[in-house]
């Protein structure tokens, strides 16, 4: 098995990962039914996102957190998302970039979870 080396590898990872997300009972519901994600637009955007994370290509522009705030996401959903991501990376790749991708996915999941928890507490205190 090889490491993540280029955009073709990132595309493999992103497509395999989001195939699993779409099939997941809980995450599929959030992405497909609630958010009604346009996968033809979302997947290339996520390739750009991960290309920027792993190779600093600066092709991704956006604020991913804001697009998730209005969704019915529970704390456990971040753990589900992260587990699927790690499993997908491990299924396709091994090496320094693969490990870095998993580390960054963990940080993203944790950051989103903490921010959403804080936003929820803020709203409850008003």
N, C-alpha and C. Protein backbone atom coordinates (compact mmCIF):
# COMPACT_ATOMS: atom_id res chain seq x y z
N UNK A 1 0.85 -1.18 0.00
CA UNK A 1 0.00 0.00 0.00
C UNK A 1 0.89 1.24 0.00
N UNK A 2 0.44 2.28 -0.68
CA UNK A 2 1.22 3.50 -0.81
C UNK A 2 0.63 4.63 0.03
N UNK A 3 1.41 5.67 0.18
CA UNK A 3 0.97 6.88 0.87
C UNK A 3 0.13 7.73 -0.08
N UNK A 4 -0.50 8.75 0.46
CA UNK A 4 -1.22 9.74 -0.34
C UNK A 4 -0.17 10.64 -0.99
N UNK A 5 -0.14 10.65 -2.34
CA UNK A 5 0.94 11.33 -3.05
C UNK A 5 0.50 12.54 -3.86
N UNK A 6 -0.76 12.55 -4.28
CA UNK A 6 -1.18 13.59 -5.23
C UNK A 6 -2.71 13.71 -5.23
N UNK A 7 -3.21 14.56 -6.12
CA UNK A 7 -4.66 14.78 -6.20
C UNK A 7 -5.43 13.53 -6.61
N UNK A 8 -4.83 12.67 -7.42
CA UNK A 8 -5.53 11.43 -7.78
C UNK A 8 -5.78 10.59 -6.54
N UNK A 9 -4.79 10.53 -5.65
CA UNK A 9 -4.96 9.79 -4.40
C UNK A 9 -5.99 10.45 -3.50
N UNK A 10 -5.97 11.76 -3.46
CA UNK A 10 -6.96 12.49 -2.65
C UNK A 10 -8.35 12.25 -3.21
N UNK A 11 -8.48 12.24 -4.51
CA UNK A 11 -9.78 11.96 -5.12
C UNK A 11 -10.26 10.56 -4.76
N UNK A 12 -9.35 9.59 -4.78
CA UNK A 12 -9.70 8.23 -4.37
C UNK A 12 -10.21 8.22 -2.93
N UNK A 13 -9.48 8.89 -2.05
CA UNK A 13 -9.86 8.95 -0.64
C UNK A 13 -11.22 9.62 -0.46
N UNK A 14 -11.38 10.79 -1.04
CA UNK A 14 -12.61 11.57 -0.87
C UNK A 14 -13.82 10.80 -1.40
N UNK A 15 -13.70 10.24 -2.58
CA UNK A 15 -14.84 9.53 -3.16
C UNK A 15 -15.17 8.27 -2.35
N UNK A 16 -14.16 7.53 -1.94
CA UNK A 16 -14.40 6.33 -1.14
C UNK A 16 -15.02 6.70 0.21
N UNK A 17 -14.51 7.76 0.81
CA UNK A 17 -15.03 8.19 2.11
C UNK A 17 -16.49 8.62 2.01
N UNK A 18 -16.80 9.48 1.05
CA UNK A 18 -18.16 9.98 0.97
C UNK A 18 -19.13 8.93 0.45
N UNK A 19 -18.65 7.91 -0.27
CA UNK A 19 -19.51 6.77 -0.59
C UNK A 19 -19.96 6.11 0.71
N UNK A 20 -19.03 5.96 1.64
CA UNK A 20 -19.35 5.34 2.93
C UNK A 20 -20.27 6.24 3.75
N UNK A 21 -20.03 7.56 3.71
CA UNK A 21 -20.89 8.50 4.43
C UNK A 21 -22.32 8.41 3.92
N UNK A 22 -22.47 8.38 2.59
CA UNK A 22 -23.82 8.32 2.01
C UNK A 22 -24.55 7.05 2.39
N UNK A 23 -23.82 5.96 2.57
CA UNK A 23 -24.44 4.68 2.91
C UNK A 23 -24.68 4.52 4.42
N UNK A 24 -24.04 5.35 5.22
CA UNK A 24 -24.16 5.25 6.68
C UNK A 24 -25.57 5.67 7.09
N UNK A 25 -26.19 4.90 7.97
CA UNK A 25 -27.58 5.16 8.35
C UNK A 25 -27.77 6.59 8.88
N UNK A 26 -26.96 7.00 9.82
CA UNK A 26 -27.12 8.32 10.45
C UNK A 26 -26.51 9.44 9.58
N UNK A 27 -25.26 9.28 9.17
CA UNK A 27 -24.60 10.33 8.41
C UNK A 27 -25.21 10.51 7.03
N UNK A 28 -25.62 9.42 6.42
CA UNK A 28 -26.29 9.50 5.13
C UNK A 28 -27.57 10.32 5.22
N UNK A 29 -28.31 10.12 6.31
CA UNK A 29 -29.53 10.89 6.53
C UNK A 29 -29.21 12.39 6.60
N UNK A 30 -28.17 12.76 7.34
CA UNK A 30 -27.82 14.17 7.49
C UNK A 30 -27.38 14.76 6.15
N UNK A 31 -26.49 14.08 5.46
CA UNK A 31 -25.94 14.60 4.20
C UNK A 31 -26.95 14.56 3.06
N UNK A 32 -27.64 13.43 2.92
CA UNK A 32 -28.53 13.25 1.77
C UNK A 32 -29.91 13.85 1.98
N UNK A 33 -30.53 13.56 3.13
CA UNK A 33 -31.92 13.94 3.33
C UNK A 33 -32.09 15.35 3.90
N UNK A 34 -31.25 15.71 4.87
CA UNK A 34 -31.39 17.02 5.50
C UNK A 34 -30.65 18.09 4.70
N UNK A 35 -29.35 17.89 4.49
CA UNK A 35 -28.54 18.90 3.79
C UNK A 35 -28.76 18.85 2.28
N UNK A 36 -29.26 17.72 1.78
CA UNK A 36 -29.47 17.53 0.35
C UNK A 36 -28.22 17.95 -0.44
N UNK A 37 -27.10 17.36 -0.06
CA UNK A 37 -25.81 17.69 -0.66
C UNK A 37 -25.84 17.38 -2.16
N UNK A 38 -25.35 18.33 -2.94
CA UNK A 38 -25.14 18.13 -4.37
C UNK A 38 -23.75 17.51 -4.50
N UNK A 39 -23.70 16.19 -4.64
CA UNK A 39 -22.42 15.48 -4.60
C UNK A 39 -21.51 15.86 -5.76
N UNK A 40 -22.10 16.23 -6.91
CA UNK A 40 -21.27 16.64 -8.05
C UNK A 40 -20.47 17.91 -7.75
N UNK A 41 -20.99 18.74 -6.87
CA UNK A 41 -20.27 19.95 -6.46
C UNK A 41 -19.44 19.71 -5.20
N UNK A 42 -19.99 18.93 -4.28
CA UNK A 42 -19.35 18.74 -2.99
C UNK A 42 -18.03 17.95 -3.09
N UNK A 43 -18.03 16.89 -3.89
CA UNK A 43 -16.83 16.05 -3.96
C UNK A 43 -15.61 16.79 -4.51
N UNK A 44 -15.71 17.53 -5.61
CA UNK A 44 -14.54 18.30 -6.06
C UNK A 44 -14.10 19.34 -5.03
N UNK A 45 -15.06 19.91 -4.33
CA UNK A 45 -14.74 20.88 -3.28
C UNK A 45 -13.96 20.21 -2.15
N UNK A 46 -14.35 18.98 -1.79
CA UNK A 46 -13.65 18.26 -0.74
C UNK A 46 -12.27 17.78 -1.20
N UNK A 47 -12.12 17.49 -2.49
CA UNK A 47 -10.79 17.18 -3.04
C UNK A 47 -9.90 18.41 -2.87
N UNK A 48 -10.43 19.58 -3.20
CA UNK A 48 -9.66 20.82 -3.02
C UNK A 48 -9.34 21.06 -1.55
N UNK A 49 -10.30 20.79 -0.68
CA UNK A 49 -10.07 20.98 0.75
C UNK A 49 -8.91 20.11 1.23
N UNK A 50 -8.98 18.81 0.94
CA UNK A 50 -7.94 17.90 1.42
C UNK A 50 -6.61 18.11 0.71
N UNK A 51 -6.67 18.56 -0.54
CA UNK A 51 -5.43 18.90 -1.24
C UNK A 51 -4.75 20.08 -0.55
N UNK A 52 -5.55 21.02 -0.10
CA UNK A 52 -5.01 22.16 0.63
C UNK A 52 -4.45 21.72 1.99
N UNK A 53 -5.17 20.86 2.69
CA UNK A 53 -4.72 20.37 3.99
C UNK A 53 -3.41 19.61 3.86
N UNK A 54 -3.33 18.71 2.89
CA UNK A 54 -2.18 17.82 2.79
C UNK A 54 -1.01 18.38 1.99
N UNK A 55 -1.31 19.22 0.99
CA UNK A 55 -0.25 19.71 0.11
C UNK A 55 -0.19 21.23 -0.01
N UNK A 56 -1.00 21.92 0.79
CA UNK A 56 -1.01 23.38 0.82
C UNK A 56 -1.17 24.01 -0.58
N UNK A 57 -2.12 23.48 -1.33
CA UNK A 57 -2.35 23.95 -2.70
C UNK A 57 -3.11 25.28 -2.75
N UNK A 58 -3.75 25.64 -1.68
CA UNK A 58 -4.53 26.88 -1.57
C UNK A 58 -5.66 26.95 -2.59
N UNK A 59 -6.17 25.78 -2.96
CA UNK A 59 -7.29 25.76 -3.90
C UNK A 59 -8.63 25.81 -3.20
N UNK A 60 -8.67 25.58 -1.91
CA UNK A 60 -9.94 25.56 -1.20
C UNK A 60 -10.22 26.93 -0.60
N UNK A 61 -11.41 27.42 -0.87
CA UNK A 61 -11.89 28.64 -0.23
C UNK A 61 -13.24 28.31 0.37
N UNK A 62 -13.40 28.64 1.60
CA UNK A 62 -14.68 28.37 2.22
C UNK A 62 -14.57 28.36 3.72
N UNK A 63 -15.71 28.28 4.33
CA UNK A 63 -15.81 28.21 5.77
C UNK A 63 -16.67 27.01 6.10
N UNK A 64 -16.06 25.84 6.20
CA UNK A 64 -16.85 24.62 6.34
C UNK A 64 -17.71 24.57 7.59
N UNK A 65 -17.27 25.18 8.66
CA UNK A 65 -18.05 25.10 9.90
C UNK A 65 -19.45 25.69 9.70
N UNK A 66 -19.52 26.83 9.10
CA UNK A 66 -20.82 27.52 8.93
C UNK A 66 -21.85 26.67 8.20
N UNK A 67 -21.39 25.83 7.28
CA UNK A 67 -22.31 25.02 6.50
C UNK A 67 -22.87 23.85 7.31
N UNK A 68 -22.31 23.60 8.48
CA UNK A 68 -22.75 22.49 9.30
C UNK A 68 -23.61 22.91 10.48
N UNK A 69 -23.60 24.18 10.82
CA UNK A 69 -24.25 24.67 12.03
C UNK A 69 -25.74 24.37 12.05
N UNK A 70 -26.41 24.54 10.94
CA UNK A 70 -27.87 24.39 10.93
C UNK A 70 -28.33 22.93 10.84
N UNK A 71 -27.41 22.00 10.72
CA UNK A 71 -27.78 20.60 10.57
C UNK A 71 -28.04 19.95 11.92
N UNK A 72 -28.87 18.92 11.96
CA UNK A 72 -29.18 18.24 13.23
C UNK A 72 -28.06 17.27 13.62
N UNK A 73 -26.90 17.83 13.87
CA UNK A 73 -25.73 17.02 14.19
C UNK A 73 -25.63 16.84 15.70
N UNK A 74 -25.35 15.61 16.09
CA UNK A 74 -25.13 15.27 17.50
C UNK A 74 -23.64 15.05 17.72
N UNK A 75 -23.22 15.14 18.96
CA UNK A 75 -21.80 14.97 19.28
C UNK A 75 -21.25 13.64 18.73
N UNK A 76 -22.01 12.58 18.85
CA UNK A 76 -21.57 11.27 18.37
C UNK A 76 -21.36 11.23 16.86
N UNK A 77 -22.01 12.14 16.13
CA UNK A 77 -21.87 12.15 14.67
C UNK A 77 -20.43 12.46 14.26
N UNK A 78 -19.75 13.27 15.06
CA UNK A 78 -18.36 13.57 14.75
C UNK A 78 -17.49 12.34 14.94
N UNK A 79 -17.79 11.54 15.93
CA UNK A 79 -17.04 10.29 16.14
C UNK A 79 -17.33 9.31 15.00
N UNK A 80 -18.56 9.26 14.56
CA UNK A 80 -18.92 8.39 13.43
C UNK A 80 -18.17 8.83 12.17
N UNK A 81 -18.20 10.14 11.91
CA UNK A 81 -17.53 10.71 10.73
C UNK A 81 -16.04 10.40 10.79
N UNK A 82 -15.42 10.62 11.93
CA UNK A 82 -13.98 10.40 12.08
C UNK A 82 -13.64 8.92 11.91
N UNK A 83 -14.42 8.04 12.49
CA UNK A 83 -14.15 6.60 12.35
C UNK A 83 -14.23 6.18 10.89
N UNK A 84 -15.24 6.64 10.17
CA UNK A 84 -15.34 6.32 8.75
C UNK A 84 -14.14 6.86 7.98
N UNK A 85 -13.70 8.06 8.33
CA UNK A 85 -12.56 8.65 7.64
C UNK A 85 -11.30 7.82 7.88
N UNK A 86 -11.03 7.51 9.13
CA UNK A 86 -9.84 6.71 9.48
C UNK A 86 -9.90 5.35 8.79
N UNK A 87 -11.04 4.69 8.85
CA UNK A 87 -11.18 3.38 8.20
C UNK A 87 -10.93 3.48 6.70
N UNK A 88 -11.41 4.55 6.08
CA UNK A 88 -11.23 4.73 4.63
C UNK A 88 -9.76 4.98 4.30
N UNK A 89 -9.10 5.84 5.07
CA UNK A 89 -7.67 6.07 4.84
C UNK A 89 -6.92 4.76 4.99
N UNK A 90 -7.17 4.05 6.07
CA UNK A 90 -6.45 2.80 6.33
C UNK A 90 -6.71 1.73 5.26
N UNK A 91 -7.86 1.78 4.66
CA UNK A 91 -8.20 0.81 3.61
C UNK A 91 -7.40 1.07 2.33
N UNK A 92 -7.04 2.34 2.08
CA UNK A 92 -6.44 2.71 0.80
C UNK A 92 -4.97 3.13 0.88
N UNK A 93 -4.54 3.63 2.03
CA UNK A 93 -3.22 4.26 2.10
C UNK A 93 -2.50 3.94 3.41
N UNK A 94 -1.18 4.10 3.37
CA UNK A 94 -0.39 4.07 4.59
C UNK A 94 0.84 4.93 4.35
N UNK A 95 1.27 5.60 5.42
CA UNK A 95 2.44 6.45 5.31
C UNK A 95 2.25 7.77 6.03
N UNK A 96 3.20 8.65 5.86
CA UNK A 96 3.22 9.91 6.58
C UNK A 96 2.02 10.80 6.26
N UNK A 97 1.70 10.96 4.98
CA UNK A 97 0.55 11.80 4.60
C UNK A 97 -0.77 11.17 5.06
N UNK A 98 -0.86 9.86 4.99
CA UNK A 98 -2.07 9.17 5.45
C UNK A 98 -2.27 9.41 6.94
N UNK A 99 -1.20 9.31 7.70
CA UNK A 99 -1.29 9.57 9.14
C UNK A 99 -1.65 11.03 9.41
N UNK A 100 -1.08 11.92 8.63
CA UNK A 100 -1.37 13.35 8.80
C UNK A 100 -2.85 13.63 8.46
N UNK A 101 -3.36 12.99 7.42
CA UNK A 101 -4.77 13.17 7.05
C UNK A 101 -5.68 12.73 8.20
N UNK A 102 -5.36 11.60 8.82
CA UNK A 102 -6.17 11.12 9.95
C UNK A 102 -6.06 12.08 11.14
N UNK A 103 -4.85 12.56 11.38
CA UNK A 103 -4.66 13.52 12.48
C UNK A 103 -5.47 14.79 12.25
N UNK A 104 -5.42 15.30 11.03
CA UNK A 104 -6.16 16.54 10.73
C UNK A 104 -7.67 16.30 10.77
N UNK A 105 -8.13 15.16 10.32
CA UNK A 105 -9.56 14.85 10.39
C UNK A 105 -10.01 14.80 11.85
N UNK A 106 -9.17 14.25 12.71
CA UNK A 106 -9.49 14.23 14.14
C UNK A 106 -9.59 15.62 14.72
N UNK A 107 -8.67 16.49 14.31
CA UNK A 107 -8.70 17.88 14.79
C UNK A 107 -9.93 18.62 14.27
N UNK A 108 -10.29 18.36 13.03
CA UNK A 108 -11.48 19.00 12.45
C UNK A 108 -12.73 18.54 13.19
N UNK A 109 -12.86 17.24 13.39
CA UNK A 109 -14.03 16.70 14.10
C UNK A 109 -14.11 17.27 15.52
N UNK A 110 -12.98 17.31 16.19
CA UNK A 110 -12.95 17.83 17.56
C UNK A 110 -13.30 19.31 17.59
N UNK A 111 -12.73 20.07 16.68
CA UNK A 111 -12.99 21.51 16.61
C UNK A 111 -14.47 21.80 16.34
N UNK A 112 -15.04 21.10 15.36
CA UNK A 112 -16.45 21.30 15.05
C UNK A 112 -17.31 20.93 16.24
N UNK A 113 -16.99 19.83 16.89
CA UNK A 113 -17.76 19.37 18.04
C UNK A 113 -17.73 20.40 19.16
N UNK A 114 -16.56 20.90 19.48
CA UNK A 114 -16.42 21.89 20.55
C UNK A 114 -17.15 23.17 20.18
N UNK A 115 -16.98 23.63 18.94
CA UNK A 115 -17.65 24.86 18.51
C UNK A 115 -19.16 24.73 18.56
N UNK A 116 -19.68 23.59 18.12
CA UNK A 116 -21.13 23.40 18.14
C UNK A 116 -21.64 23.31 19.57
N UNK A 117 -20.87 22.67 20.42
CA UNK A 117 -21.26 22.60 21.83
C UNK A 117 -21.29 24.00 22.43
N UNK A 118 -20.29 24.79 22.13
CA UNK A 118 -20.23 26.16 22.65
C UNK A 118 -21.37 27.00 22.09
N UNK A 119 -21.65 26.86 20.81
CA UNK A 119 -22.75 27.60 20.21
C UNK A 119 -24.07 27.22 20.85
N UNK A 120 -24.26 25.95 21.13
CA UNK A 120 -25.49 25.48 21.77
C UNK A 120 -25.63 26.03 23.17
N UNK A 121 -24.53 26.06 23.92
CA UNK A 121 -24.57 26.60 25.28
C UNK A 121 -24.85 28.10 25.23
N UNK A 122 -24.27 28.78 24.25
CA UNK A 122 -24.48 30.21 24.11
C UNK A 122 -25.96 30.51 23.87
N UNK A 123 -26.57 29.75 22.96
CA UNK A 123 -27.98 29.97 22.65
C UNK A 123 -28.87 29.68 23.85
N UNK A 124 -28.51 28.68 24.67
CA UNK A 124 -29.31 28.34 25.84
C UNK A 124 -29.24 29.40 26.93
N UNK A 125 -28.18 30.21 26.93
CA UNK A 125 -27.99 31.21 27.97
C UNK A 125 -28.60 32.56 27.61
N UNK A 126 -29.17 32.70 26.46
CA UNK A 126 -29.74 34.00 26.08
C UNK A 126 -31.14 34.17 26.63
